[in-house]
């Protein structure tokens, strides 16, 4: 997945998280699930950037 595609998925997941928080609250199970999904995408993005900086 390209960096641009990953950034798009992160933005979409962030928007989804905002909607779910407004609907269910911060501690609801759906909120936690989407938050964990977003964390995974952010970790994937950061790991990719770390790998690129190490290879330079």
N, C-alpha and C. Protein backbone atom coordinates (compact mmCIF):
# COMPACT_ATOMS: atom_id res chain seq x y z
N UNK A 1 0.85 -1.17 0.00
CA UNK A 1 0.00 0.00 0.00
C UNK A 1 0.90 1.24 0.00
N UNK A 2 0.59 2.20 -0.86
CA UNK A 2 1.40 3.40 -0.93
C UNK A 2 1.15 4.30 0.28
N UNK A 3 2.07 5.21 0.49
CA UNK A 3 1.96 6.16 1.60
C UNK A 3 0.67 6.98 1.46
N UNK A 4 0.34 7.39 0.25
CA UNK A 4 -0.86 8.19 0.02
C UNK A 4 -2.12 7.39 0.33
N UNK A 5 -2.13 6.13 -0.07
CA UNK A 5 -3.29 5.27 0.22
C UNK A 5 -3.46 5.07 1.71
N UNK A 6 -2.36 4.88 2.40
CA UNK A 6 -2.39 4.69 3.85
C UNK A 6 -2.88 5.96 4.55
N UNK A 7 -2.43 7.11 4.09
CA UNK A 7 -2.89 8.37 4.67
C UNK A 7 -4.39 8.56 4.45
N UNK A 8 -4.89 8.16 3.30
CA UNK A 8 -6.31 8.24 3.02
C UNK A 8 -7.10 7.33 3.95
N UNK A 9 -6.61 6.10 4.16
CA UNK A 9 -7.29 5.17 5.07
C UNK A 9 -7.28 5.71 6.50
N UNK A 10 -6.17 6.34 6.90
CA UNK A 10 -6.08 6.92 8.24
C UNK A 10 -7.12 8.03 8.40
N UNK A 11 -7.23 8.89 7.40
CA UNK A 11 -8.21 9.98 7.47
C UNK A 11 -9.64 9.45 7.52
N UNK A 12 -9.93 8.43 6.73
CA UNK A 12 -11.26 7.83 6.74
C UNK A 12 -11.58 7.20 8.09
N UNK A 13 -10.61 6.49 8.65
CA UNK A 13 -10.81 5.85 9.95
C UNK A 13 -10.97 6.90 11.05
N UNK A 14 -10.23 7.99 10.95
CA UNK A 14 -10.36 9.08 11.92
C UNK A 14 -11.76 9.68 11.88
N UNK A 15 -12.27 9.89 10.68
CA UNK A 15 -13.63 10.42 10.54
C UNK A 15 -14.66 9.44 11.09
N UNK A 16 -14.45 8.16 10.82
CA UNK A 16 -15.34 7.12 11.36
C UNK A 16 -15.33 7.15 12.88
N UNK A 17 -14.15 7.31 13.46
CA UNK A 17 -14.03 7.35 14.92
C UNK A 17 -14.80 8.52 15.50
N UNK A 18 -14.70 9.68 14.89
CA UNK A 18 -15.43 10.86 15.37
C UNK A 18 -16.93 10.59 15.37
N UNK A 19 -17.43 10.01 14.29
CA UNK A 19 -18.86 9.72 14.19
C UNK A 19 -19.31 8.73 15.27
N UNK A 20 -18.50 7.71 15.50
CA UNK A 20 -18.86 6.69 16.49
C UNK A 20 -18.81 7.26 17.91
N UNK A 21 -17.83 8.11 18.18
CA UNK A 21 -17.75 8.74 19.50
C UNK A 21 -18.99 9.59 19.75
N UNK A 22 -19.41 10.34 18.75
CA UNK A 22 -20.60 11.19 18.91
C UNK A 22 -21.85 10.35 19.15
N UNK A 23 -21.90 9.19 18.53
CA UNK A 23 -23.07 8.33 18.64
C UNK A 23 -23.07 7.47 19.90
N UNK A 24 -21.90 6.92 20.26
CA UNK A 24 -21.83 5.92 21.33
C UNK A 24 -21.06 6.36 22.57
N UNK A 25 -20.24 7.40 22.46
CA UNK A 25 -19.42 7.82 23.58
C UNK A 25 -18.01 7.24 23.50
N UNK A 26 -17.15 7.73 24.39
CA UNK A 26 -15.73 7.38 24.34
C UNK A 26 -15.41 5.95 24.77
N UNK A 27 -16.20 5.39 25.66
CA UNK A 27 -15.83 4.09 26.24
C UNK A 27 -16.64 2.93 25.68
N UNK A 28 -17.47 3.18 24.70
CA UNK A 28 -18.28 2.10 24.11
C UNK A 28 -17.41 1.15 23.29
N UNK A 29 -17.84 -0.08 23.21
CA UNK A 29 -17.09 -1.11 22.49
C UNK A 29 -16.81 -0.73 21.03
N UNK A 30 -17.81 -0.21 20.28
CA UNK A 30 -17.51 0.16 18.89
C UNK A 30 -16.43 1.25 18.79
N UNK A 31 -16.43 2.18 19.74
CA UNK A 31 -15.42 3.24 19.75
C UNK A 31 -14.04 2.65 19.97
N UNK A 32 -13.93 1.75 20.90
CA UNK A 32 -12.64 1.14 21.20
C UNK A 32 -12.13 0.35 19.99
N UNK A 33 -13.01 -0.38 19.32
CA UNK A 33 -12.62 -1.17 18.15
C UNK A 33 -12.08 -0.27 17.04
N UNK A 34 -12.79 0.79 16.74
CA UNK A 34 -12.36 1.69 15.66
C UNK A 34 -11.07 2.41 16.07
N UNK A 35 -10.95 2.77 17.34
CA UNK A 35 -9.74 3.40 17.83
C UNK A 35 -8.53 2.47 17.67
N UNK A 36 -8.72 1.20 17.97
CA UNK A 36 -7.65 0.22 17.80
C UNK A 36 -7.28 0.05 16.33
N UNK A 37 -8.29 0.07 15.47
CA UNK A 37 -8.03 0.00 14.03
C UNK A 37 -7.19 1.19 13.57
N UNK A 38 -7.55 2.37 14.06
CA UNK A 38 -6.80 3.58 13.72
C UNK A 38 -5.38 3.49 14.25
N UNK A 39 -5.22 3.01 15.47
CA UNK A 39 -3.87 2.82 16.03
C UNK A 39 -3.03 1.92 15.13
N UNK A 40 -3.63 0.86 14.65
CA UNK A 40 -2.90 -0.06 13.77
C UNK A 40 -2.45 0.62 12.49
N UNK A 41 -3.33 1.42 11.90
CA UNK A 41 -2.97 2.15 10.67
C UNK A 41 -1.85 3.15 10.94
N UNK A 42 -1.95 3.85 12.07
CA UNK A 42 -0.91 4.82 12.42
C UNK A 42 0.42 4.13 12.68
N UNK A 43 0.38 3.00 13.35
CA UNK A 43 1.61 2.24 13.58
C UNK A 43 2.22 1.78 12.25
N UNK A 44 1.36 1.33 11.35
CA UNK A 44 1.82 0.90 10.03
C UNK A 44 2.48 2.07 9.30
N UNK A 45 1.88 3.23 9.36
CA UNK A 45 2.44 4.42 8.71
C UNK A 45 3.78 4.78 9.34
N UNK A 46 3.82 4.81 10.67
CA UNK A 46 5.07 5.18 11.36
C UNK A 46 6.17 4.17 11.13
N UNK A 47 5.85 2.90 11.10
CA UNK A 47 6.85 1.87 10.85
C UNK A 47 7.43 2.02 9.45
N UNK A 48 6.56 2.31 8.49
CA UNK A 48 7.03 2.53 7.13
C UNK A 48 7.96 3.71 7.03
N UNK A 49 7.65 4.78 7.74
CA UNK A 49 8.52 5.95 7.73
C UNK A 49 9.83 5.66 8.44
N UNK A 50 9.79 4.90 9.52
CA UNK A 50 11.02 4.54 10.23
C UNK A 50 11.94 3.71 9.33
N UNK A 51 11.37 2.78 8.59
CA UNK A 51 12.15 1.93 7.71
C UNK A 51 12.82 2.76 6.61
N UNK A 52 12.12 3.74 6.08
CA UNK A 52 12.68 4.59 5.02
C UNK A 52 13.81 5.44 5.57
N UNK A 53 13.66 5.97 6.77
CA UNK A 53 14.70 6.82 7.33
C UNK A 53 15.94 6.00 7.69
N UNK A 54 15.76 4.74 8.06
CA UNK A 54 16.92 3.89 8.37
C UNK A 54 17.69 3.51 7.12
N UNK A 55 17.00 3.40 6.00
CA UNK A 55 17.68 2.98 4.77
C UNK A 55 18.39 4.13 4.09
N UNK A 56 18.14 5.37 4.51
CA UNK A 56 18.81 6.53 3.89
C UNK A 56 20.14 6.81 4.50
